[in-house]
Amino acid sequence: MVGRPEYGGGLGLEPKAVSASRVVMSMLADPESRNIFGSVHGGWIMRQVDQAAYVCAARHAGNQAVTASIERVDFRSPIRIGDLVTLRASVHWVGRTSMVIGVRVEAEDLMTGEVRHTNSCLLTFVAIDAAFQPVPVPGLVRETAEEEARWEAVRARREADQR
């Protein structure tokens, strides 16, 4: 274990490793996802990002979760119709009832094998119960230096935002 588990507010909940809730989803960019320029519509990409992040957050929390915010999103490279779109989501940080989920989006040209990083973003989710009230989430066990660095980056940003 690289970092100590952070329990957030989930006292009494067993902390979970980042790897326990990691999500990889792939789908074909089909013509229905096209924008007026012939590439994939940014809104379609954001929908896929939100879904991958939701699955990751719900897995970690063991409860339903709702999107509270989406940090800045930069579209680095267009996704073409026919590309295989792969989203990789993982928990980067947990608080008492909230989780920051990072999602990386890649597009693969199936004919050439070229893989492009098209965008990444961070989303904050809040775990909720059946009455839509926030509930505590398990702590997060970081197992690698990269996971620890992600935790620290989010923690530092959150602290700076509170100043």
Protein backbone atom coordinates (compact mmCIF):
# COMPACT_ATOMS: atom_id res chain seq x y z
CA MET A 1 0.00 0.00 0.00
CA VAL A 2 1.42 3.37 -1.01
CA GLY A 3 -0.85 5.72 0.92
CA ARG A 4 -2.79 5.10 4.05
CA PRO A 5 -6.47 4.42 3.50
CA GLU A 6 -8.52 7.55 3.80
CA TYR A 7 -11.78 6.90 5.54
CA GLY A 8 -13.57 10.09 4.67
CA GLY A 9 -16.79 10.00 6.66
CA GLY A 10 -17.36 6.31 6.09
CA LEU A 11 -16.38 5.35 9.62
CA GLY A 12 -17.06 1.69 10.10
CA LEU A 13 -16.98 1.05 6.36
CA GLU A 14 -14.17 -1.13 5.07
CA PRO A 15 -11.93 0.94 2.75
CA LYS A 16 -11.69 -0.21 -0.85
CA ALA A 17 -8.74 -0.23 -3.22
CA VAL A 18 -8.86 1.91 -6.35
CA SER A 19 -8.69 -1.32 -8.38
CA ALA A 20 -11.90 -2.63 -6.77
CA SER A 21 -14.08 -0.11 -8.59
CA ARG A 22 -12.08 0.61 -11.75
CA VAL A 23 -14.21 0.57 -14.92
CA VAL A 24 -13.26 0.07 -18.57
CA MET A 25 -16.05 0.55 -21.12
CA SER A 26 -15.74 0.41 -24.90
CA MET A 27 -18.24 1.22 -27.62
CA LEU A 28 -18.22 1.88 -31.33
CA ALA A 29 -18.71 5.49 -32.43
CA ASP A 30 -21.62 4.97 -34.80
CA PRO A 31 -23.36 7.39 -37.18
CA GLU A 32 -26.05 8.22 -34.59
CA SER A 33 -23.37 9.92 -32.44
CA ARG A 34 -22.30 12.25 -35.28
CA ASN A 35 -22.30 16.05 -35.06
CA ILE A 36 -22.78 18.43 -38.01
CA PHE A 37 -19.06 18.22 -38.80
CA GLY A 38 -19.12 14.43 -39.21
CA SER A 39 -17.19 13.58 -36.07
CA VAL A 40 -18.59 12.41 -32.75
CA HIS A 41 -20.73 14.95 -30.89
CA GLY A 42 -19.17 16.24 -27.65
CA GLY A 43 -22.45 15.71 -25.83
CA TRP A 44 -22.40 12.01 -26.75
CA ILE A 45 -18.88 11.75 -25.34
CA MET A 46 -19.92 13.49 -22.11
CA ARG A 47 -22.86 11.11 -21.71
CA GLN A 48 -20.51 8.13 -21.98
CA VAL A 49 -18.09 9.79 -19.53
CA ASP A 50 -20.89 10.35 -17.00
CA GLN A 51 -22.07 6.74 -17.32
CA ALA A 52 -18.59 5.27 -16.84
CA ALA A 53 -18.00 7.56 -13.85
CA TYR A 54 -21.38 6.59 -12.36
CA VAL A 55 -20.58 2.87 -12.55
CA CYS A 56 -17.23 3.50 -10.86
CA ALA A 57 -18.78 5.67 -8.12
CA ALA A 58 -21.64 3.24 -7.43
CA ARG A 59 -19.19 0.33 -7.25
CA HIS A 60 -17.03 2.17 -4.75
CA ALA A 61 -19.91 3.49 -2.64
CA GLY A 62 -22.02 0.35 -2.71
CA ASN A 63 -24.94 2.75 -3.19
CA GLN A 64 -26.52 4.86 -5.88
CA ALA A 65 -24.64 8.04 -6.68
CA VAL A 66 -25.43 11.29 -8.44
CA THR A 67 -23.22 13.66 -10.42
CA ALA A 68 -22.49 16.77 -8.37
CA SER A 69 -20.03 18.45 -10.75
CA ILE A 70 -17.86 17.97 -13.78
CA GLU A 71 -14.51 19.72 -13.86
CA ARG A 72 -13.07 21.27 -16.98
CA VAL A 73 -13.22 19.15 -20.11
CA ASP A 74 -10.83 19.74 -22.99
CA PHE A 75 -11.41 17.94 -26.27
CA ARG A 76 -7.88 17.18 -27.44
CA SER A 77 -8.64 15.18 -30.58
CA PRO A 78 -11.85 14.47 -32.49
CA ILE A 79 -13.37 11.01 -32.44
CA ARG A 80 -14.30 9.76 -35.87
CA ILE A 81 -17.29 7.65 -36.78
CA GLY A 82 -16.09 4.04 -36.76
CA ASP A 83 -13.53 4.58 -33.98
CA LEU A 84 -13.61 2.32 -30.95
CA VAL A 85 -14.10 4.60 -27.95
CA THR A 86 -12.69 3.35 -24.64
CA LEU A 87 -13.32 5.04 -21.31
CA ARG A 88 -11.24 4.24 -18.21
CA ALA A 89 -12.72 5.41 -14.92
CA SER A 90 -11.24 5.21 -11.43
CA VAL A 91 -11.72 6.80 -8.03
CA HIS A 92 -9.12 9.49 -7.40
CA TRP A 93 -10.30 10.82 -4.01
CA VAL A 94 -13.04 10.29 -1.42
CA GLY A 95 -14.56 12.56 1.18
CA ARG A 96 -17.29 11.78 3.67
CA THR A 97 -20.08 11.28 1.11
CA SER A 98 -18.41 12.36 -2.13
CA MET A 99 -15.98 10.80 -4.57
CA VAL A 100 -13.88 12.30 -7.34
CA ILE A 101 -13.82 10.03 -10.37
CA GLY A 102 -11.29 10.46 -13.17
CA VAL A 103 -12.21 9.35 -16.69
CA ARG A 104 -9.78 9.04 -19.59
CA VAL A 105 -11.23 8.73 -23.10
CA GLU A 106 -9.31 7.14 -25.96
CA ALA A 107 -10.27 6.54 -29.58
CA GLU A 108 -8.85 3.68 -31.61
CA ASP A 109 -8.81 3.52 -35.38
CA LEU A 110 -9.66 -0.15 -35.90
CA MET A 111 -8.02 -0.26 -39.33
CA THR A 112 -4.62 1.13 -38.30
CA GLY A 113 -4.58 0.37 -34.56
CA GLU A 114 -3.73 4.01 -33.78
CA VAL A 115 -4.95 4.99 -30.28
CA ARG A 116 -5.48 8.65 -29.43
CA HIS A 117 -6.11 10.22 -26.02
CA THR A 118 -9.13 12.40 -26.82
CA ASN A 119 -10.00 13.82 -23.43
CA SER A 120 -9.90 13.39 -19.67
CA CYS A 121 -12.01 14.89 -16.93
CA LEU A 122 -12.82 14.68 -13.26
CA LEU A 123 -16.34 14.30 -11.96
CA THR A 124 -17.59 14.57 -8.39
CA PHE A 125 -20.30 12.15 -7.31
CA VAL A 126 -22.26 12.00 -4.07
CA ALA A 127 -23.44 8.65 -2.73
CA ILE A 128 -27.15 8.60 -1.86
CA ASP A 129 -29.65 6.30 -0.21
CA ALA A 130 -33.16 5.39 -1.36
CA ALA A 131 -34.47 8.71 0.01
CA PHE A 132 -31.86 10.62 -2.04
CA GLN A 133 -29.97 11.60 1.10
CA PRO A 134 -26.13 11.60 1.12
CA VAL A 135 -24.54 8.56 2.75
CA PRO A 136 -20.94 7.88 3.82
CA VAL A 137 -18.57 6.21 1.37
CA PRO A 138 -15.72 3.79 2.09
CA GLY A 139 -12.19 5.09 2.36
CA LEU A 140 -9.80 4.69 -0.54
CA VAL A 141 -6.70 2.51 -0.51
CA ARG A 142 -4.09 3.77 -2.99
CA GLU A 143 -1.87 0.93 -4.14
CA THR A 144 0.44 2.70 -6.58
CA ALA A 145 2.46 5.90 -6.69
CA GLU A 146 0.22 7.12 -9.53
CA GLU A 147 -2.92 6.60 -7.42
CA GLU A 148 -1.28 8.44 -4.53
CA ALA A 149 -0.31 11.33 -6.83
CA ARG A 150 -3.89 11.58 -8.12
CA TRP A 151 -5.19 11.64 -4.52
CA GLU A 152 -2.77 14.40 -3.58
CA ALA A 153 -3.59 16.47 -6.68
CA VAL A 154 -7.32 16.40 -5.94
CA ARG A 155 -6.74 17.09 -2.23
CA ALA A 156 -4.55 20.10 -3.05
CA ARG A 157 -7.12 21.49 -5.53
CA ARG A 158 -9.93 21.08 -3.02
CA GLU A 159 -7.92 22.83 -0.31
CA ALA A 160 -7.06 25.70 -2.66
CA ASP A 161 -10.74 26.05 -3.62
CA GLN A 162 -11.70 26.39 0.06
CA ARG A 163 -9.34 29.34 0.58
